[in-house]
């Protein structure tokens, strides 16, 4: 039990022989499970408990700034203190038991029968106490891990505090009049005129917030996918086609979890006894991150730059209203995702590189867009810093998010165990992970249809960079 004394960077579940613990042992699968249902069978989170304890005040303020209701750093510190105390007591009991066993073995024949009985009874009592302490340790350990996994990433010092209204403008590319032009049609009207999208039949076949892309609408999706991947490859990204079904532990490890007990999970769970708690992926970021889980990389391999294509499934499409109608918020969409792994001192530089690539993608499409530094309420659990890109959508008369870029530092790598060998020593370091949207299809279709519509509202100019994938047409019309 000597290893129990190493209490700095520890993977709690490795201290005992069972290969995994289930935080909630109810094995019935729910379509809307809380974070306490997460089952770890493959991953072993490595959380820095010493850092949590030493920086508890800073973490507490970060939790307040992010408006998180179900995260309690004081409870984590208390559980960790209790955990250490139980380990100390358990080590003392084991040491005493080992000494007694050694004494009994060496003196078994020479001791009088009465003394032997007393010693054996004491050894039996110690064994029972050890078993009780081990059971208590497992119980505290599970509770500690459950609560500690809720703690969000640190926040960049320059991140605005508060809700979305406090987002800070970094820059705007292109000119627009920030008023709704009543002469311009929205994407629903345009797509109906040109037979590009069918919501009605999709509603019958699947439900609300699902859709068919038709004719040039389908070609536009395929063109945007090819365009985004081509742009990324030219910047050194490796193309990957990801699985769209993943184990829920990977989704949770990447930070896709409800903000509190009242919030519904974004994930669609596959409700099947043999499904291994599978979910539909909410973004290609998750399977891309999973590709390097439980890996120790050479520092020479870094940075790793991936561009992945996959379908994104979101259960929270939201109430249908003027701001979310049509393609703006849907349950399924195609997405080209950027994902990178860097040394822990290179992620800020990579963040800027991702943002530059995104800016290049939308600028060449001819869109008017702006880059926003998003405030604390808008950060997911994994995110250290996030920029959103918002395109002007004249049919809506509003800016609409088309992309984001996030630096997750070591939040995901600690939960996925992505490490690299340090060039200056024999130690390993946790890598930093970053992600960004290259192309999110539905909202880019909105922006293209509404910005490049012609005066008749029945034709749309195709961005020049997409035409080679659309039969070299320059316009969509009936």
Protein backbone atom coordinates (compact mmCIF):
# COMPACT_ATOMS: atom_id res chain seq x y z
CA UNK A 1 0.00 0.00 0.00
CA UNK A 2 3.01 2.31 -0.28
CA UNK A 3 1.57 3.73 -3.49
CA UNK A 4 -1.39 5.07 -1.49
CA UNK A 5 0.89 7.72 -0.06
CA UNK A 6 1.49 9.32 -3.45
CA UNK A 7 -1.37 11.78 -3.31
CA UNK A 8 -0.50 14.50 -5.83
CA UNK A 9 -1.54 13.63 -9.38
CA UNK A 10 -3.51 10.47 -8.88
CA UNK A 11 -5.97 8.39 -10.80
CA UNK A 12 -8.19 7.35 -7.94
CA UNK A 13 -9.72 4.32 -9.60
CA UNK A 14 -6.30 2.73 -10.16
CA UNK A 15 -5.80 2.24 -6.44
CA UNK A 16 -8.03 -0.83 -6.34
CA UNK A 17 -8.30 -4.00 -8.34
CA UNK A 18 -11.82 -3.59 -9.84
CA UNK A 19 -11.28 -2.29 -13.38
CA UNK A 20 -13.98 0.34 -13.14
CA UNK A 21 -16.54 1.83 -10.84
CA UNK A 22 -20.01 2.94 -11.84
CA UNK A 23 -20.82 6.25 -10.21
CA UNK A 24 -24.48 5.31 -10.24
CA UNK A 25 -25.00 1.54 -10.17
CA UNK A 26 -28.48 1.73 -11.70
CA UNK A 27 -27.83 -0.03 -15.02
CA UNK A 28 -31.11 0.94 -16.69
CA UNK A 29 -30.36 3.40 -19.47
CA UNK A 30 -32.23 6.67 -19.53
CA UNK A 31 -32.75 8.82 -22.59
CA UNK A 32 -31.95 11.85 -20.41
CA UNK A 33 -29.35 10.76 -17.85
CA UNK A 34 -27.65 13.16 -15.47
CA UNK A 35 -23.87 13.36 -15.24
CA UNK A 36 -23.96 10.98 -12.27
CA UNK A 37 -24.87 8.14 -14.65
CA UNK A 38 -21.52 8.22 -16.42
CA UNK A 39 -19.82 4.83 -16.50
CA UNK A 40 -16.04 4.74 -16.83
CA UNK A 41 -14.86 1.46 -18.32
CA UNK A 42 -11.99 2.61 -20.54
CA UNK A 43 -10.89 6.02 -19.33
CA UNK A 44 -9.08 6.86 -16.09
CA UNK A 45 -9.34 10.58 -15.32
CA UNK A 46 -6.17 12.05 -13.82
CA UNK A 47 -7.25 15.11 -11.83
CA UNK A 48 -4.88 17.43 -10.00
CA UNK A 49 -6.38 17.39 -6.51
CA UNK A 50 -3.50 19.29 -4.96
CA UNK A 51 -4.21 22.13 -7.40
CA UNK A 52 -7.90 22.10 -6.46
CA UNK A 53 -7.08 22.41 -2.75
CA UNK A 54 -4.35 25.04 -3.18
CA UNK A 55 -6.49 27.20 -5.49
CA UNK A 56 -9.93 26.64 -3.99
CA UNK A 57 -10.77 30.36 -3.67
CA UNK A 58 -9.84 31.07 -7.29
CA UNK A 59 -11.82 28.02 -8.45
CA UNK A 60 -14.83 29.08 -6.36
CA UNK A 61 -14.83 32.50 -8.04
CA UNK A 62 -14.50 30.85 -11.44
CA UNK A 63 -17.56 28.72 -10.68
CA UNK A 64 -19.51 31.86 -9.74
CA UNK A 65 -18.33 33.68 -12.87
CA UNK A 66 -19.51 30.78 -15.01
CA UNK A 67 -22.89 30.67 -13.27
CA UNK A 68 -22.58 26.98 -12.40
CA UNK A 69 -25.09 25.79 -9.81
CA UNK A 70 -24.11 22.17 -9.20
CA UNK A 71 -20.35 22.52 -8.63
CA UNK A 72 -18.96 22.65 -5.08
CA UNK A 73 -15.20 23.08 -4.66
CA UNK A 74 -15.55 23.12 -0.86
CA UNK A 75 -17.11 19.66 -1.00
CA UNK A 76 -14.30 18.42 -3.24
CA UNK A 77 -11.66 19.73 -0.82
CA UNK A 78 -13.48 18.16 2.13
CA UNK A 79 -13.80 14.80 0.37
CA UNK A 80 -10.14 14.89 -0.62
CA UNK A 81 -9.10 15.63 2.97
CA UNK A 82 -11.26 12.73 4.15
CA UNK A 83 -9.79 10.51 1.43
CA UNK A 84 -6.23 11.26 2.54
CA UNK A 85 -7.14 10.65 6.18
CA UNK A 86 -8.67 7.24 5.38
CA UNK A 87 -5.58 6.27 3.38
CA UNK A 88 -3.34 7.22 6.31
CA UNK A 89 -5.49 5.16 8.69
CA UNK A 90 -5.59 2.27 6.24
CA UNK A 91 -1.82 2.28 5.82
CA UNK A 92 -1.38 2.21 9.59
CA UNK A 93 -3.77 -0.74 9.94
CA UNK A 94 -2.07 -2.64 7.12
CA UNK A 95 1.37 -1.99 8.61
CA UNK A 96 0.19 -3.21 12.00
CA UNK A 97 -1.43 -6.28 10.43
CA UNK A 98 1.73 -7.11 8.45
CA UNK A 99 3.92 -6.79 11.54
CA UNK A 100 1.57 -9.00 13.52
CA UNK A 101 1.45 -11.59 10.73
CA UNK A 102 5.24 -11.62 10.52
CA UNK A 103 5.50 -12.01 14.31
CA UNK A 104 2.96 -14.85 14.30
CA UNK A 105 4.81 -16.68 11.51
CA UNK A 106 8.15 -16.38 13.28
CA UNK A 107 6.88 -17.34 16.75
CA UNK A 108 3.94 -19.61 16.02
CA UNK A 109 5.52 -22.76 17.54
CA UNK A 110 7.04 -21.10 20.60
CA UNK A 111 3.95 -19.18 21.80
CA UNK A 112 1.65 -20.67 24.38
CA UNK A 113 -1.78 -21.64 23.12
CA UNK A 114 -3.48 -18.79 25.00
CA UNK A 115 -1.14 -16.18 23.59
CA UNK A 116 -1.55 -17.62 20.10
CA UNK A 117 -5.31 -17.33 20.39
CA UNK A 118 -5.08 -13.69 21.47
CA UNK A 119 -2.71 -12.85 18.62
CA UNK A 120 -4.89 -14.61 16.05
CA UNK A 121 -7.97 -12.81 17.33
CA UNK A 122 -6.17 -9.47 17.09
CA UNK A 123 -5.08 -10.27 13.52
CA UNK A 124 -8.66 -11.19 12.63
CA UNK A 125 -9.94 -7.94 14.15
CA UNK A 126 -7.36 -5.93 12.19
CA UNK A 127 -8.37 -7.66 8.97
CA UNK A 128 -12.02 -6.72 9.56
CA UNK A 129 -11.04 -3.10 10.27
CA UNK A 130 -9.00 -3.03 7.05
CA UNK A 131 -11.96 -4.34 5.04
CA UNK A 132 -14.24 -1.71 6.57
CA UNK A 133 -11.74 1.07 5.79
CA UNK A 134 -11.32 -0.17 2.22
CA UNK A 135 -15.09 -0.12 1.71
CA UNK A 136 -15.26 3.40 3.12
CA UNK A 137 -12.35 4.48 0.92
CA UNK A 138 -14.09 3.19 -2.21
CA UNK A 139 -17.26 5.03 -1.20
CA UNK A 140 -15.43 8.33 -0.59
CA UNK A 141 -13.36 7.86 -3.72
CA UNK A 142 -16.42 7.48 -5.93
CA UNK A 143 -18.05 10.56 -4.42
CA UNK A 144 -14.83 12.57 -4.77
CA UNK A 145 -14.41 11.61 -8.41
CA UNK A 146 -18.04 12.42 -9.19
CA UNK A 147 -17.82 15.89 -7.63
CA UNK A 148 -14.32 16.71 -8.90
CA UNK A 149 -15.28 15.91 -12.50
CA UNK A 150 -17.81 18.76 -12.32
CA UNK A 151 -15.11 21.38 -11.77
CA UNK A 152 -14.72 23.45 -14.95
CA UNK A 153 -11.51 24.48 -16.63
CA UNK A 154 -9.75 27.65 -15.55
CA UNK A 155 -10.70 30.79 -17.47
CA UNK A 156 -8.42 33.05 -19.52
CA UNK A 157 -7.66 36.27 -17.64
CA UNK A 158 -9.01 38.40 -20.50
CA UNK A 159 -12.36 36.61 -20.85
CA UNK A 160 -15.38 38.89 -20.23
CA UNK A 161 -17.47 37.98 -17.19
CA UNK A 162 -21.22 37.46 -17.42
CA UNK A 163 -23.76 36.50 -20.06
CA UNK A 164 -23.77 36.70 -23.85
CA UNK A 165 -24.50 40.44 -23.84
CA UNK A 166 -21.00 41.02 -22.42
CA UNK A 167 -19.22 39.41 -25.39
CA UNK A 168 -16.36 41.59 -26.62
CA UNK A 169 -15.94 42.41 -30.32
CA UNK A 170 -12.49 41.40 -31.57
CA UNK A 171 -12.95 42.43 -35.20
CA UNK A 172 -15.51 42.64 -38.00
CA UNK A 173 -14.83 41.58 -41.57
CA UNK A 174 -17.05 43.08 -44.26
CA UNK A 175 -19.62 45.85 -44.17
CA UNK A 176 -23.31 45.61 -43.37
CA UNK A 177 -26.17 47.82 -42.29
CA UNK A 178 -27.33 46.60 -38.90
CA UNK A 179 -31.03 46.82 -39.72
CA UNK A 180 -33.49 44.32 -41.08
CA UNK A 181 -34.01 44.91 -44.80
CA UNK A 182 -37.70 44.13 -45.36
CA UNK A 183 -37.11 43.71 -49.08
CA UNK A 184 -34.84 40.70 -48.41
CA UNK A 185 -36.30 37.24 -47.94
CA UNK A 186 -35.30 34.90 -45.15
CA UNK A 187 -33.81 31.48 -45.94
CA UNK A 188 -37.14 29.74 -45.43
CA UNK A 189 -38.84 31.78 -48.15
CA UNK A 190 -35.87 31.47 -50.50
CA UNK A 191 -35.52 27.71 -49.98
CA UNK A 192 -39.25 27.22 -50.57
CA UNK A 193 -39.11 29.24 -53.80
CA UNK A 194 -36.13 27.21 -55.02
CA UNK A 195 -37.18 23.81 -53.59
CA UNK A 196 -34.00 23.48 -51.51
CA UNK A 197 -35.30 22.35 -48.10
CA UNK A 198 -38.30 20.27 -47.03
CA UNK A 199 -39.25 20.67 -43.37
CA UNK A 200 -42.85 19.49 -43.65
CA UNK A 201 -42.16 15.95 -44.80
CA UNK A 202 -39.20 15.62 -42.43
CA UNK A 203 -41.57 16.54 -39.61
CA UNK A 204 -43.82 13.65 -40.65
CA UNK A 205 -40.93 11.21 -41.05
CA UNK A 206 -38.88 12.17 -37.97
CA UNK A 207 -40.25 15.18 -36.09
CA UNK A 208 -39.83 18.89 -35.48
CA UNK A 209 -36.40 20.41 -36.17
CA UNK A 210 -35.42 17.82 -38.76
CA UNK A 211 -35.15 18.50 -42.48
CA UNK A 212 -34.39 17.28 -45.98
CA UNK A 213 -31.90 19.16 -48.16
CA UNK A 214 -33.03 18.98 -51.78
CA UNK A 215 -31.51 19.66 -55.21
CA UNK A 216 -28.93 22.48 -54.99
CA UNK A 217 -29.48 22.54 -51.23
CA UNK A 218 -27.93 19.06 -51.04
CA UNK A 219 -25.14 20.07 -53.43
CA UNK A 220 -24.47 23.16 -51.33
CA UNK A 221 -23.87 20.99 -48.26
CA UNK A 222 -21.48 18.71 -50.15
CA UNK A 223 -19.66 21.72 -51.63
CA UNK A 224 -19.21 23.35 -48.21
CA UNK A 225 -17.83 20.10 -46.77
CA UNK A 226 -15.28 19.76 -49.58
CA UNK A 227 -14.38 23.43 -49.33
CA UNK A 228 -13.79 23.35 -45.57
CA UNK A 229 -11.71 20.18 -45.70
CA UNK A 230 -9.63 21.46 -48.62
CA UNK A 231 -8.90 24.71 -46.75
CA UNK A 232 -7.79 22.81 -43.65
CA UNK A 233 -5.60 20.35 -45.57
CA UNK A 234 -3.74 23.26 -47.16
CA UNK A 235 -2.93 24.44 -43.62
CA UNK A 236 -1.47 21.08 -42.61
CA UNK A 237 -4.53 19.35 -41.14
CA UNK A 238 -5.02 15.60 -41.64
CA UNK A 239 -8.51 14.54 -42.84
CA UNK A 240 -10.48 12.08 -40.70
CA UNK A 241 -13.98 10.60 -41.05
CA UNK A 242 -15.21 9.98 -37.51
CA UNK A 243 -17.78 7.56 -36.07
CA UNK A 244 -21.06 9.27 -35.18
CA UNK A 245 -21.75 6.91 -32.25
CA UNK A 246 -19.51 7.04 -29.16
CA UNK A 247 -19.44 5.86 -25.56
CA UNK A 248 -20.94 8.42 -23.21
CA UNK A 249 -17.77 8.52 -21.09
CA UNK A 250 -15.94 10.16 -24.00
CA UNK A 251 -18.64 12.79 -24.41
CA UNK A 252 -18.50 13.53 -20.69
CA UNK A 253 -14.69 13.60 -20.66
CA UNK A 254 -14.73 16.24 -23.40
CA UNK A 255 -17.01 18.48 -21.33
CA UNK A 256 -20.43 17.75 -22.82
CA UNK A 257 -22.43 17.62 -19.62
CA UNK A 258 -25.39 19.55 -18.16
CA UNK A 259 -24.48 22.75 -16.30
CA UNK A 260 -26.67 21.71 -13.35
CA UNK A 261 -29.20 19.08 -12.28
CA UNK A 262 -32.05 21.00 -13.92
CA UNK A 263 -30.46 21.13 -17.38
CA UNK A 264 -31.24 18.34 -19.82
CA UNK A 265 -28.33 16.56 -21.49
CA UNK A 266 -27.55 17.58 -25.06
CA UNK A 267 -26.89 13.97 -25.98
CA UNK A 268 -29.13 11.42 -27.63
CA UNK A 269 -28.61 8.17 -25.74
CA UNK A 270 -29.03 4.83 -27.47
CA UNK A 271 -31.40 3.00 -25.14
CA UNK A 272 -30.35 -0.62 -25.43
CA UNK A 273 -29.07 -3.07 -22.83
CA UNK A 274 -26.21 -4.07 -25.13
CA UNK A 275 -25.35 -0.52 -26.20
CA UNK A 276 -22.52 0.02 -23.64
CA UNK A 277 -24.09 3.42 -22.82
CA UNK A 278 -23.64 4.72 -26.35
CA UNK A 279 -24.64 8.21 -27.50
CA UNK A 280 -24.91 9.98 -30.83
CA UNK A 281 -21.97 12.35 -31.11
CA UNK A 282 -22.77 16.04 -30.56
CA UNK A 283 -19.66 17.04 -32.51
CA UNK A 284 -16.74 15.39 -34.32
CA UNK A 285 -14.51 16.96 -31.65
CA UNK A 286 -15.33 14.07 -29.30
CA UNK A 287 -14.33 11.10 -31.49
CA UNK A 288 -11.33 13.09 -32.75
CA UNK A 289 -10.18 13.57 -29.15
CA UNK A 290 -10.90 9.92 -28.44
CA UNK A 291 -8.56 8.89 -31.25
CA UNK A 292 -5.62 9.78 -28.97
CA UNK A 293 -7.06 8.68 -25.62
CA UNK A 294 -4.71 6.71 -23.36
CA UNK A 295 -1.74 7.64 -25.56
CA UNK A 296 1.74 8.87 -24.69
CA UNK A 297 3.02 10.90 -27.63
CA UNK A 298 6.52 11.96 -28.53
CA UNK A 299 7.02 15.72 -28.31
CA UNK A 300 8.22 15.49 -31.92
CA UNK A 301 4.71 14.40 -33.01
CA UNK A 302 3.21 17.67 -31.79
CA UNK A 303 1.31 19.60 -32.82
CA UNK A 304 -1.24 17.13 -34.18
CA UNK A 305 -3.76 18.85 -36.47
CA UNK A 306 -6.90 16.99 -37.56
CA UNK A 307 -9.88 18.00 -39.67
CA UNK A 308 -12.82 15.69 -39.16
CA UNK A 309 -16.17 15.32 -40.85
CA UNK A 310 -19.16 13.95 -39.00
CA UNK A 311 -22.82 14.42 -38.20
CA UNK A 312 -23.68 16.36 -35.08
CA UNK A 313 -26.75 15.38 -33.05
CA UNK A 314 -28.21 17.76 -30.46
CA UNK A 315 -31.30 16.90 -28.43
CA UNK A 316 -31.87 20.51 -27.34
CA UNK A 317 -33.07 22.19 -30.54
CA UNK A 318 -35.11 24.57 -28.37
CA UNK A 319 -38.50 26.19 -28.71
CA UNK A 320 -39.40 27.18 -32.23
CA UNK A 321 -39.45 30.94 -32.55
CA UNK A 322 -38.50 33.72 -34.91
CA UNK A 323 -34.83 33.53 -33.92
CA UNK A 324 -34.50 29.74 -34.17
CA UNK A 325 -36.82 28.85 -37.04
CA UNK A 326 -35.79 26.86 -40.09
CA UNK A 327 -32.20 25.66 -40.20
CA UNK A 328 -30.91 27.88 -37.42
CA UNK A 329 -31.36 25.31 -34.64
CA UNK A 330 -31.88 21.69 -35.61
CA UNK A 331 -31.34 18.24 -34.12
CA UNK A 332 -28.91 16.95 -36.77
CA UNK A 333 -26.41 18.68 -39.01
CA UNK A 334 -23.17 18.04 -40.86
CA UNK A 335 -20.01 19.68 -39.61
CA UNK A 336 -16.34 19.91 -40.51
CA UNK A 337 -14.38 20.18 -37.27
CA UNK A 338 -10.82 21.27 -36.53
CA UNK A 339 -9.06 19.52 -33.64
CA UNK A 340 -5.47 19.95 -32.45
CA UNK A 341 -3.17 18.58 -29.76
CA UNK A 342 -0.21 20.71 -28.64
CA UNK A 343 2.46 20.95 -26.00
CA UNK A 344 1.16 22.69 -22.91
CA UNK A 345 3.00 25.93 -23.73
CA UNK A 346 1.85 26.11 -27.36
CA UNK A 347 -1.96 26.19 -27.13
CA UNK A 348 -2.32 29.99 -27.18
CA UNK A 349 -0.39 30.13 -30.44
CA UNK A 350 -2.47 27.29 -31.91
CA UNK A 351 -5.67 29.06 -30.85
CA UNK A 352 -4.70 32.04 -32.99
CA UNK A 353 -3.83 29.73 -35.88
CA UNK A 354 -7.28 28.11 -35.77
CA UNK A 355 -9.01 31.50 -35.66
CA UNK A 356 -6.96 32.70 -38.65
CA UNK A 357 -8.01 29.62 -40.66
CA UNK A 358 -11.67 30.15 -39.78
CA UNK A 359 -11.43 33.80 -40.75
CA UNK A 360 -9.92 32.80 -44.10
CA UNK A 361 -12.74 30.30 -44.74
CA UNK A 362 -15.57 32.80 -44.19
CA UNK A 363 -13.80 35.70 -45.86
CA UNK A 364 -13.36 33.69 -49.08
CA UNK A 365 -17.06 32.80 -49.00
CA UNK A 366 -17.71 36.54 -49.19
CA UNK A 367 -19.59 36.72 -45.89
CA UNK A 368 -19.79 39.68 -43.56
CA UNK A 369 -18.91 38.33 -40.13
CA UNK A 370 -17.47 39.31 -36.77
CA UNK A 371 -15.29 37.59 -34.18
CA UNK A 372 -16.42 37.75 -30.55
CA UNK A 373 -14.56 36.93 -27.32
CA UNK A 374 -17.27 35.02 -25.46
CA UNK A 375 -17.99 35.65 -21.76
CA UNK A 376 -17.92 33.19 -18.89
CA UNK A 377 -21.59 32.15 -19.02
CA UNK A 378 -21.04 30.97 -22.60
CA UNK A 379 -18.08 28.71 -21.84
CA UNK A 380 -18.53 24.96 -21.67
CA UNK A 381 -16.94 23.05 -18.80
CA UNK A 382 -13.88 22.17 -20.88
CA UNK A 383 -13.27 25.64 -22.32
CA UNK A 384 -10.51 27.98 -21.15
CA UNK A 385 -11.18 30.56 -23.87
CA UNK A 386 -13.70 30.73 -26.72
CA UNK A 387 -14.18 32.93 -29.75
CA UNK A 388 -17.43 32.85 -31.72
CA UNK A 389 -17.74 33.83 -35.37
CA UNK A 390 -21.09 35.41 -36.22
CA UNK A 391 -22.27 36.04 -39.78
CA UNK A 392 -24.71 38.77 -40.73
CA UNK A 393 -28.01 37.15 -41.78
CA UNK A 394 -30.09 39.89 -43.44
CA UNK A 395 -33.26 37.82 -43.68
CA UNK A 396 -33.19 37.43 -39.89
CA UNK A 397 -31.93 40.98 -39.45
CA UNK A 398 -29.42 39.67 -36.93
CA UNK A 399 -25.99 38.25 -36.45
CA UNK A 400 -25.97 34.46 -36.16
CA UNK A 401 -23.25 32.19 -34.82
CA UNK A 402 -21.64 30.10 -37.56
CA UNK A 403 -18.52 28.87 -35.78
CA UNK A 404 -16.47 28.84 -32.61
CA UNK A 405 -12.89 28.19 -31.55
CA UNK A 406 -11.99 26.87 -28.09
CA UNK A 407 -8.79 26.30 -26.15
CA UNK A 408 -9.45 23.48 -23.66
CA UNK A 409 -5.89 23.42 -22.24
CA UNK A 410 -5.47 20.15 -20.26
CA UNK A 411 -9.13 19.66 -19.27
CA UNK A 412 -9.81 16.98 -21.90
CA UNK A 413 -6.33 15.45 -21.87
CA UNK A 414 -6.52 14.77 -18.11
CA UNK A 415 -9.82 12.97 -18.57
CA UNK A 416 -8.76 11.17 -21.76
CA UNK A 417 -5.15 10.56 -20.63
CA UNK A 418 -3.45 12.24 -23.59
CA UNK A 419 0.19 12.85 -22.65
CA UNK A 420 3.52 13.52 -24.29
CA UNK A 421 7.11 12.93 -23.28
CA UNK A 422 8.82 16.11 -22.22
CA UNK A 423 11.93 16.90 -24.31
CA UNK A 424 13.82 18.15 -21.23
CA UNK A 425 13.23 15.17 -18.93
CA UNK A 426 11.92 11.64 -18.76
CA UNK A 427 8.58 12.80 -17.38
CA UNK A 428 5.30 13.01 -19.26
CA UNK A 429 3.10 16.08 -19.50
CA UNK A 430 -0.59 16.42 -20.22
CA UNK A 431 -1.10 17.84 -23.70
CA UNK A 432 -3.41 20.73 -24.53
CA UNK A 433 -6.37 20.23 -26.87
CA UNK A 434 -8.17 22.79 -29.01
CA UNK A 435 -11.11 22.67 -31.36
CA UNK A 436 -12.86 24.89 -33.85
CA UNK A 437 -15.64 24.66 -36.39
CA UNK A 438 -14.46 24.92 -39.97
CA UNK A 439 -17.89 24.48 -41.55
CA UNK A 440 -21.27 24.08 -39.79
CA UNK A 441 -23.56 23.43 -42.74
CA UNK A 442 -27.07 24.69 -41.82
CA UNK A 443 -26.09 28.16 -40.62
CA UNK A 444 -23.70 28.68 -43.50
CA UNK A 445 -26.54 27.79 -45.86
CA UNK A 446 -28.67 30.42 -44.12
CA UNK A 447 -25.92 33.02 -44.51
CA UNK A 448 -25.33 32.17 -48.18
CA UNK A 449 -29.00 32.15 -49.17
CA UNK A 450 -29.81 35.39 -47.35
CA UNK A 451 -26.67 37.35 -48.29
CA UNK A 452 -26.41 36.32 -51.93
CA UNK A 453 -30.08 36.34 -52.93
CA UNK A 454 -30.98 38.40 -55.96
CA UNK A 455 -33.67 41.08 -55.96
CA UNK A 456 -36.36 38.70 -57.23
CA UNK A 457 -35.96 36.48 -54.14
CA UNK A 458 -36.03 33.47 -56.46
CA UNK A 459 -32.35 33.08 -57.27
CA UNK A 460 -29.09 33.01 -55.31
CA UNK A 461 -25.53 33.66 -56.45
CA UNK A 462 -23.22 30.78 -55.55
CA UNK A 463 -19.95 31.87 -53.87
CA UNK A 464 -17.14 31.54 -56.41
CA UNK A 465 -15.10 29.19 -54.18
CA UNK A 466 -17.94 26.62 -54.16
CA UNK A 467 -18.79 26.53 -57.86
CA UNK A 468 -16.36 23.78 -58.85
CA UNK A 469 -18.32 21.39 -56.60
CA UNK A 470 -21.70 22.53 -57.98
CA UNK A 471 -21.28 21.78 -61.65
CA UNK A 472 -19.57 25.15 -62.25
CA UNK A 473 -22.92 26.90 -61.87
CA UNK A 474 -22.77 30.50 -60.72
CA UNK A 475 -26.40 30.84 -59.67
CA UNK A 476 -29.18 28.78 -58.09
CA UNK A 477 -32.52 29.29 -59.81
CA UNK A 478 -35.59 27.35 -60.86
